[in-house]
Amino acid sequence: MNAFKKILGIVWMVLGPLSMAFLITQAIDKVGLAHSEIERTNTILQWAIILFIFFPISIGLMIFGFYAWKGEYDQLADHSSD
């Protein structure tokens, strides 16, 4: 099970930057498709909010993956007193 956790840690570390790259490319694509100036401003605002929310989530995903890869989650507590 510990080897599985380490493999998933690598997956999470790779998934963080990939998800941000995907979101950025989608934002550029959607902003470029906006026709009027008001529509473009609204689209930029929407994507700025989306990126602002998901950027820390992707950083947390990479940190979680790093700790899983290093083996920090190999020993889990059995009781709440541990």
PDB file of N, CA and C in Angstrom:
ATOM      1  N   MET A   1       0.816  -1.191   0.000  1.00  0.00           N
ATOM      2  CA  MET A   1       0.000   0.000   0.000  1.00  0.00           C
ATOM      3  C   MET A   1       0.865   1.263   0.000  1.00  0.00           C
ATOM      4  N   ASN A   2       2.019   1.218   0.656  1.00  0.00           N
ATOM      5  CA  ASN A   2       2.897   2.381   0.692  1.00  0.00           C
ATOM      6  C   ASN A   2       3.463   2.701  -0.689  1.00  0.00           C
ATOM      7  N   ALA A   3       3.754   1.659  -1.476  1.00  0.00           N
ATOM      8  CA  ALA A   3       4.233   1.896  -2.842  1.00  0.00           C
ATOM      9  C   ALA A   3       3.138   2.543  -3.683  1.00  0.00           C
ATOM     10  N   PHE A   4       1.916   2.135  -3.465  1.00  0.00           N
ATOM     11  CA  PHE A   4       0.776   2.727  -4.168  1.00  0.00           C
ATOM     12  C   PHE A   4       0.623   4.209  -3.810  1.00  0.00           C
ATOM     13  N   LYS A   5       0.833   4.537  -2.537  1.00  0.00           N
ATOM     14  CA  LYS A   5       0.762   5.929  -2.101  1.00  0.00           C
ATOM     15  C   LYS A   5       1.861   6.762  -2.756  1.00  0.00           C
ATOM     16  N   LYS A   6       3.047   6.186  -2.905  1.00  0.00           N
ATOM     17  CA  LYS A   6       4.156   6.911  -3.530  1.00  0.00           C
ATOM     18  C   LYS A   6       3.890   7.136  -5.021  1.00  0.00           C
ATOM     19  N   ILE A   7       3.326   6.139  -5.678  1.00  0.00           N
ATOM     20  CA  ILE A   7       2.993   6.291  -7.093  1.00  0.00           C
ATOM     21  C   ILE A   7       1.911   7.355  -7.268  1.00  0.00           C
ATOM     22  N   LEU A   8       0.904   7.326  -6.409  1.00  0.00           N
ATOM     23  CA  LEU A   8      -0.136   8.349  -6.483  1.00  0.00           C
ATOM     24  C   LEU A   8       0.418   9.733  -6.148  1.00  0.00           C
ATOM     25  N   GLY A   9       1.427   9.795  -5.290  1.00  0.00           N
ATOM     26  CA  GLY A   9       2.073  11.069  -5.006  1.00  0.00           C
ATOM     27  C   GLY A   9       2.680  11.679  -6.252  1.00  0.00           C
ATOM     28  N   ILE A  10       3.322  10.859  -7.064  1.00  0.00           N
ATOM     29  CA  ILE A  10       3.883  11.339  -8.323  1.00  0.00           C
ATOM     30  C   ILE A  10       2.764  11.785  -9.262  1.00  0.00           C
ATOM     31  N   VAL A  11       1.674  11.030  -9.284  1.00  0.00           N
ATOM     32  CA  VAL A  11       0.529  11.405 -10.119  1.00  0.00           C
ATOM     33  C   VAL A  11      -0.012  12.763  -9.702  1.00  0.00           C
ATOM     34  N   TRP A  12      -0.157  13.002  -8.398  1.00  0.00           N
ATOM     35  CA  TRP A  12      -0.676  14.292  -7.919  1.00  0.00           C
ATOM     36  C   TRP A  12       0.276  15.426  -8.248  1.00  0.00           C
ATOM     37  N   MET A  13       1.586  15.168  -8.139  1.00  0.00           N
ATOM     38  CA  MET A  13       2.553  16.215  -8.451  1.00  0.00           C
ATOM     39  C   MET A  13       2.515  16.591  -9.935  1.00  0.00           C
ATOM     40  N   VAL A  14       2.246  15.632 -10.788  1.00  0.00           N
ATOM     41  CA  VAL A  14       2.157  15.917 -12.217  1.00  0.00           C
ATOM     42  C   VAL A  14       0.807  16.541 -12.562  1.00  0.00           C
ATOM     43  N   LEU A  15      -0.229  16.118 -11.872  1.00  0.00           N
ATOM     44  CA  LEU A  15      -1.581  16.588 -12.170  1.00  0.00           C
ATOM     45  C   LEU A  15      -1.774  18.066 -11.828  1.00  0.00           C
ATOM     46  N   GLY A  16      -1.091  18.567 -10.824  1.00  0.00           N
ATOM     47  CA  GLY A  16      -1.224  19.975 -10.438  1.00  0.00           C
ATOM     48  C   GLY A  16      -0.852  20.936 -11.558  1.00  0.00           C
ATOM     49  N   PRO A  17       0.375  20.881 -12.085  1.00  0.00           N
ATOM     50  CA  PRO A  17       0.741  21.785 -13.178  1.00  0.00           C
ATOM     51  C   PRO A  17      -0.042  21.527 -14.465  1.00  0.00           C
ATOM     52  N   LEU A  18      -0.366  20.263 -14.730  1.00  0.00           N
ATOM     53  CA  LEU A  18      -1.141  19.966 -15.936  1.00  0.00           C
ATOM     54  C   LEU A  18      -2.529  20.581 -15.879  1.00  0.00           C
ATOM     55  N   SER A  19      -3.150  20.527 -14.718  1.00  0.00           N
ATOM     56  CA  SER A  19      -4.487  21.114 -14.596  1.00  0.00           C
ATOM     57  C   SER A  19      -4.429  22.626 -14.740  1.00  0.00           C
ATOM     58  N   MET A  20      -3.393  23.269 -14.197  1.00  0.00           N
ATOM     59  CA  MET A  20      -3.271  24.716 -14.356  1.00  0.00           C
ATOM     60  C   MET A  20      -2.980  25.083 -15.809  1.00  0.00           C
ATOM     61  N   ALA A  21      -2.144  24.322 -16.486  1.00  0.00           N
ATOM     62  CA  ALA A  21      -1.869  24.591 -17.900  1.00  0.00           C
ATOM     63  C   ALA A  21      -3.143  24.443 -18.725  1.00  0.00           C
ATOM     64  N   PHE A  22      -3.945  23.424 -18.413  1.00  0.00           N
ATOM     65  CA  PHE A  22      -5.208  23.226 -19.119  1.00  0.00           C
ATOM     66  C   PHE A  22      -6.151  24.395 -18.878  1.00  0.00           C
ATOM     67  N   LEU A  23      -6.256  24.840 -17.636  1.00  0.00           N
ATOM     68  CA  LEU A  23      -7.144  25.963 -17.331  1.00  0.00           C
ATOM     69  C   LEU A  23      -6.678  27.251 -18.005  1.00  0.00           C
ATOM     70  N   ILE A  24      -5.387  27.473 -18.046  1.00  0.00           N
ATOM     71  CA  ILE A  24      -4.874  28.688 -18.689  1.00  0.00           C
ATOM     72  C   ILE A  24      -5.136  28.654 -20.192  1.00  0.00           C
ATOM     73  N   THR A  25      -4.915  27.507 -20.824  1.00  0.00           N
ATOM     74  CA  THR A  25      -5.189  27.419 -22.262  1.00  0.00           C
ATOM     75  C   THR A  25      -6.679  27.589 -22.546  1.00  0.00           C
ATOM     76  N   GLN A  26      -7.532  27.044 -21.688  1.00  0.00           N
ATOM     77  CA  GLN A  26      -8.970  27.231 -21.865  1.00  0.00           C
ATOM     78  C   GLN A  26      -9.356  28.694 -21.687  1.00  0.00           C
ATOM     79  N   ALA A  27      -8.748  29.366 -20.728  1.00  0.00           N
ATOM     80  CA  ALA A  27      -9.044  30.783 -20.498  1.00  0.00           C
ATOM     81  C   ALA A  27      -8.640  31.618 -21.708  1.00  0.00           C
ATOM     82  N   ILE A  28      -7.465  31.360 -22.241  1.00  0.00           N
ATOM     83  CA  ILE A  28      -7.010  32.104 -23.421  1.00  0.00           C
ATOM     84  C   ILE A  28      -7.935  31.847 -24.597  1.00  0.00           C
ATOM     85  N   ASP A  29      -8.345  30.603 -24.763  1.00  0.00           N
ATOM     86  CA  ASP A  29      -9.238  30.257 -25.861  1.00  0.00           C
ATOM     87  C   ASP A  29     -10.595  30.939 -25.715  1.00  0.00           C
ATOM     88  N   LYS A  30     -11.175  30.894 -24.536  1.00  0.00           N
ATOM     89  CA  LYS A  30     -12.509  31.473 -24.316  1.00  0.00           C
ATOM     90  C   LYS A  30     -12.491  32.991 -24.397  1.00  0.00           C
ATOM     91  N   VAL A  31     -11.442  33.628 -23.908  1.00  0.00           N
ATOM     92  CA  VAL A  31     -11.359  35.082 -23.991  1.00  0.00           C
ATOM     93  C   VAL A  31     -11.194  35.509 -25.453  1.00  0.00           C
ATOM     94  N   GLY A  32     -10.463  34.725 -26.219  1.00  0.00           N
ATOM     95  CA  GLY A  32     -10.279  35.041 -27.629  1.00  0.00           C
ATOM     96  C   GLY A  32     -11.554  34.903 -28.440  1.00  0.00           C
ATOM     97  N   LEU A  33     -12.500  34.089 -27.988  1.00  0.00           N
ATOM     98  CA  LEU A  33     -13.754  33.887 -28.714  1.00  0.00           C
ATOM     99  C   LEU A  33     -14.798  34.953 -28.412  1.00  0.00           C
ATOM    100  N   ALA A  34     -14.561  35.782 -27.414  1.00  0.00           N
ATOM    101  CA  ALA A  34     -15.532  36.818 -27.049  1.00  0.00           C
ATOM    102  C   ALA A  34     -15.611  37.851 -28.170  1.00  0.00           C
ATOM    103  N   HIS A  35     -16.838  38.239 -28.530  1.00  0.00           N
ATOM    104  CA  HIS A  35     -17.040  39.115 -29.687  1.00  0.00           C
ATOM    105  C   HIS A  35     -16.991  40.596 -29.309  1.00  0.00           C
ATOM    106  N   SER A  36     -17.846  41.011 -28.401  1.00  0.00           N
ATOM    107  CA  SER A  36     -17.898  42.436 -28.059  1.00  0.00           C
ATOM    108  C   SER A  36     -16.934  42.736 -26.908  1.00  0.00           C
ATOM    109  N   GLU A  37     -16.716  44.028 -26.681  1.00  0.00           N
ATOM    110  CA  GLU A  37     -15.797  44.447 -25.619  1.00  0.00           C
ATOM    111  C   GLU A  37     -16.358  44.133 -24.236  1.00  0.00           C
ATOM    112  N   ILE A  38     -17.656  44.294 -24.047  1.00  0.00           N
ATOM    113  CA  ILE A  38     -18.284  43.982 -22.751  1.00  0.00           C
ATOM    114  C   ILE A  38     -18.232  42.483 -22.487  1.00  0.00           C
ATOM    115  N   GLU A  39     -18.512  41.701 -23.519  1.00  0.00           N
ATOM    116  CA  GLU A  39     -18.449  40.244 -23.365  1.00  0.00           C
ATOM    117  C   GLU A  39     -17.023  39.803 -23.045  1.00  0.00           C
ATOM    118  N   ARG A  40     -16.047  40.426 -23.666  1.00  0.00           N
ATOM    119  CA  ARG A  40     -14.642  40.087 -23.402  1.00  0.00           C
ATOM    120  C   ARG A  40     -14.264  40.430 -21.960  1.00  0.00           C
ATOM    121  N   THR A  41     -14.720  41.585 -21.473  1.00  0.00           N
ATOM    122  CA  THR A  41     -14.428  41.994 -20.099  1.00  0.00           C
ATOM    123  C   THR A  41     -15.047  41.026 -19.103  1.00  0.00           C
ATOM    124  N   ASN A  42     -16.283  40.627 -19.349  1.00  0.00           N
ATOM    125  CA  ASN A  42     -16.948  39.669 -18.460  1.00  0.00           C
ATOM    126  C   ASN A  42     -16.251  38.315 -18.484  1.00  0.00           C
ATOM    127  N   THR A  43     -15.827  37.883 -19.665  1.00  0.00           N
ATOM    128  CA  THR A  43     -15.143  36.594 -19.775  1.00  0.00           C
ATOM    129  C   THR A  43     -13.792  36.632 -19.067  1.00  0.00           C
ATOM    130  N   ILE A  44     -13.082  37.734 -19.210  1.00  0.00           N
ATOM    131  CA  ILE A  44     -11.792  37.866 -18.514  1.00  0.00           C
ATOM    132  C   ILE A  44     -12.003  37.823 -17.007  1.00  0.00           C
ATOM    133  N   LEU A  45     -13.035  38.521 -16.528  1.00  0.00           N
ATOM    134  CA  LEU A  45     -13.316  38.529 -15.087  1.00  0.00           C
ATOM    135  C   LEU A  45     -13.676  37.131 -14.586  1.00  0.00           C
ATOM    136  N   GLN A  46     -14.494  36.423 -15.326  1.00  0.00           N
ATOM    137  CA  GLN A  46     -14.881  35.067 -14.919  1.00  0.00           C
ATOM    138  C   GLN A  46     -13.670  34.149 -14.853  1.00  0.00           C
ATOM    139  N   TRP A  47     -12.822  34.203 -15.872  1.00  0.00           N
ATOM    140  CA  TRP A  47     -11.657  33.326 -15.883  1.00  0.00           C
ATOM    141  C   TRP A  47     -10.612  33.745 -14.852  1.00  0.00           C
ATOM    142  N   ALA A  48     -10.525  35.023 -14.556  1.00  0.00           N
ATOM    143  CA  ALA A  48      -9.605  35.460 -13.501  1.00  0.00           C
ATOM    144  C   ALA A  48     -10.035  34.885 -12.156  1.00  0.00           C
ATOM    145  N   ILE A  49     -11.341  34.878 -11.903  1.00  0.00           N
ATOM    146  CA  ILE A  49     -11.846  34.309 -10.648  1.00  0.00           C
ATOM    147  C   ILE A  49     -11.597  32.806 -10.610  1.00  0.00           C
ATOM    148  N   ILE A  50     -11.857  32.128 -11.715  1.00  0.00           N
ATOM    149  CA  ILE A  50     -11.636  30.672 -11.770  1.00  0.00           C
ATOM    150  C   ILE A  50     -10.167  30.352 -11.518  1.00  0.00           C
ATOM    151  N   LEU A  51      -9.273  31.068 -12.184  1.00  0.00           N
ATOM    152  CA  LEU A  51      -7.840  30.811 -11.999  1.00  0.00           C
ATOM    153  C   LEU A  51      -7.387  31.174 -10.589  1.00  0.00           C
ATOM    154  N   PHE A  52      -7.941  32.243 -10.025  1.00  0.00           N
ATOM    155  CA  PHE A  52      -7.598  32.658  -8.668  1.00  0.00           C
ATOM    156  C   PHE A  52      -7.996  31.596  -7.649  1.00  0.00           C
ATOM    157  N   ILE A  53      -9.100  30.895  -7.887  1.00  0.00           N
ATOM    158  CA  ILE A  53      -9.564  29.856  -6.964  1.00  0.00           C
ATOM    159  C   ILE A  53      -8.782  28.570  -7.152  1.00  0.00           C
ATOM    160  N   PHE A  54      -8.534  28.177  -8.403  1.00  0.00           N
ATOM    161  CA  PHE A  54      -7.930  26.873  -8.644  1.00  0.00           C
ATOM    162  C   PHE A  54      -6.409  26.856  -8.580  1.00  0.00           C
ATOM    163  N   PHE A  55      -5.762  28.012  -8.645  1.00  0.00           N
ATOM    164  CA  PHE A  55      -4.306  28.027  -8.532  1.00  0.00           C
ATOM    165  C   PHE A  55      -3.829  27.526  -7.167  1.00  0.00           C
ATOM    166  N   PRO A  56      -4.384  27.995  -6.035  1.00  0.00           N
ATOM    167  CA  PRO A  56      -3.964  27.438  -4.744  1.00  0.00           C
ATOM    168  C   PRO A  56      -4.341  25.957  -4.580  1.00  0.00           C
ATOM    169  N   ILE A  57      -5.450  25.559  -5.187  1.00  0.00           N
ATOM    170  CA  ILE A  57      -5.831  24.145  -5.106  1.00  0.00           C
ATOM    171  C   ILE A  57      -4.794  23.293  -5.820  1.00  0.00           C
ATOM    172  N   SER A  58      -4.318  23.735  -6.962  1.00  0.00           N
ATOM    173  CA  SER A  58      -3.321  22.950  -7.682  1.00  0.00           C
ATOM    174  C   SER A  58      -1.983  22.945  -6.945  1.00  0.00           C
ATOM    175  N   ILE A  59      -1.633  24.042  -6.281  1.00  0.00           N
ATOM    176  CA  ILE A  59      -0.409  24.058  -5.468  1.00  0.00           C
ATOM    177  C   ILE A  59      -0.553  23.083  -4.303  1.00  0.00           C
ATOM    178  N   GLY A  60      -1.718  23.068  -3.660  1.00  0.00           N
ATOM    179  CA  GLY A  60      -1.968  22.113  -2.577  1.00  0.00           C
ATOM    180  C   GLY A  60      -1.905  20.679  -3.057  1.00  0.00           C
ATOM    181  N   LEU A  61      -2.381  20.432  -4.262  1.00  0.00           N
ATOM    182  CA  LEU A  61      -2.306  19.092  -4.837  1.00  0.00           C
ATOM    183  C   LEU A  61      -0.856  18.665  -5.031  1.00  0.00           C
ATOM    184  N   MET A  62      -0.023  19.590  -5.482  1.00  0.00           N
ATOM    185  CA  MET A  62       1.392  19.267  -5.657  1.00  0.00           C
ATOM    186  C   MET A  62       2.082  19.038  -4.313  1.00  0.00           C
ATOM    187  N   ILE A  63       1.750  19.836  -3.309  1.00  0.00           N
ATOM    188  CA  ILE A  63       2.341  19.652  -1.978  1.00  0.00           C
ATOM    189  C   ILE A  63       1.908  18.315  -1.389  1.00  0.00           C
ATOM    190  N   PHE A  64       0.628  17.997  -1.518  1.00  0.00           N
ATOM    191  CA  PHE A  64       0.116  16.713  -1.035  1.00  0.00           C
ATOM    192  C   PHE A  64       0.834  15.558  -1.731  1.00  0.00           C
ATOM    193  N   GLY A  65       1.013  15.670  -3.038  1.00  0.00           N
ATOM    194  CA  GLY A  65       1.722  14.628  -3.784  1.00  0.00           C
ATOM    195  C   GLY A  65       3.167  14.502  -3.367  1.00  0.00           C
ATOM    196  N   PHE A  66       3.811  15.632  -3.070  1.00  0.00           N
ATOM    197  CA  PHE A  66       5.203  15.597  -2.635  1.00  0.00           C
ATOM    198  C   PHE A  66       5.340  14.858  -1.306  1.00  0.00           C
ATOM    199  N   TYR A  67       4.449  15.164  -0.375  1.00  0.00           N
ATOM    200  CA  TYR A  67       4.503  14.476   0.922  1.00  0.00           C
ATOM    201  C   TYR A  67       4.164  12.997   0.792  1.00  0.00           C
ATOM    202  N   ALA A  68       3.242  12.660  -0.085  1.00  0.00           N
ATOM    203  CA  ALA A  68       2.924  11.247  -0.305  1.00  0.00           C
ATOM    204  C   ALA A  68       4.111  10.525  -0.931  1.00  0.00           C
ATOM    205  N   TRP A  69       4.795  11.189  -1.857  1.00  0.00           N
ATOM    206  CA  TRP A  69       5.958  10.595  -2.512  1.00  0.00           C
ATOM    207  C   TRP A  69       7.113  10.415  -1.536  1.00  0.00           C
ATOM    208  N   LYS A  70       7.274  11.354  -0.596  1.00  0.00           N
ATOM    209  CA  LYS A  70       8.345  11.245   0.393  1.00  0.00           C
ATOM    210  C   LYS A  70       8.050  10.208   1.474  1.00  0.00           C
ATOM    211  N   GLY A  71       6.806   9.742   1.568  1.00  0.00           N
ATOM    212  CA  GLY A  71       6.467   8.719   2.541  1.00  0.00           C
ATOM    213  C   GLY A  71       5.954   9.256   3.853  1.00  0.00           C
ATOM    214  N   GLU A  72       5.482  10.486   3.871  1.00  0.00           N
ATOM    215  CA  GLU A  72       4.978  11.087   5.112  1.00  0.00           C
ATOM    216  C   GLU A  72       3.680  10.422   5.578  1.00  0.00           C
ATOM    217  N   TYR A  73       2.973   9.778   4.678  1.00  0.00           N
ATOM    218  CA  TYR A  73       1.699   9.155   5.036  1.00  0.00           C
ATOM    219  C   TYR A  73       1.818   7.639   5.205  1.00  0.00           C
ATOM    220  N   ASP A  74       3.045   7.139   5.350  1.00  0.00           N
ATOM    221  CA  ASP A  74       3.235   5.697   5.526  1.00  0.00           C
ATOM    222  C   ASP A  74       2.732   5.224   6.885  1.00  0.00           C
ATOM    223  N   GLN A  75       2.947   5.995   7.919  1.00  0.00           N
ATOM    224  CA  GLN A  75       2.510   5.648   9.268  1.00  0.00           C
ATOM    225  C   GLN A  75       1.290   6.493   9.625  1.00  0.00           C
ATOM    226  N   LEU A  76       0.137   5.890   9.596  1.00  0.00           N
ATOM    227  CA  LEU A  76      -1.082   6.594   9.980  1.00  0.00           C
ATOM    228  C   LEU A  76      -1.449   6.215  11.412  1.00  0.00           C
ATOM    229  N   ALA A  77      -2.028   7.143  12.128  1.00  0.00           N
ATOM    230  CA  ALA A  77      -2.401   6.915  13.529  1.00  0.00           C
ATOM    231  C   ALA A  77      -3.580   5.955  13.621  1.00  0.00           C
ATOM    232  N   ASP A  78      -3.542   5.095  14.643  1.00  0.00           N
ATOM    233  CA  ASP A  78      -4.651   4.163  14.879  1.00  0.00           C
ATOM    234  C   ASP A  78      -5.728   4.777  15.758  1.00  0.00           C
ATOM    235  N   HIS A  79      -5.317   5.619  16.681  1.00  0.00           N
ATOM    236  CA  HIS A  79      -6.243   6.272  17.610  1.00  0.00           C
ATOM    237  C   HIS A  79      -6.096   7.773  17.500  1.00  0.00           C
ATOM    238  N   SER A  80      -7.065   8.479  18.027  1.00  0.00           N
ATOM    239  CA  SER A  80      -6.972   9.931  18.019  1.00  0.00           C
ATOM    240  C   SER A  80      -5.905  10.415  19.003  1.00  0.00           C
ATOM    241  N   SER A  81      -5.544   9.593  19.979  1.00  0.00           N
ATOM    242  CA  SER A  81      -4.495   9.983  20.926  1.00  0.00           C
ATOM    243  C   SER A  81      -3.102   9.892  20.310  1.00  0.00           C
ATOM    244  N   ASP A  82      -2.971   9.199  19.195  1.00  0.00           N
ATOM    245  CA  ASP A  82      -1.669   9.075  18.516  1.00  0.00           C
ATOM    246  C   ASP A  82      -1.422  10.341  17.747  1.00  0.00           C
TER     247      ASP A  82
END
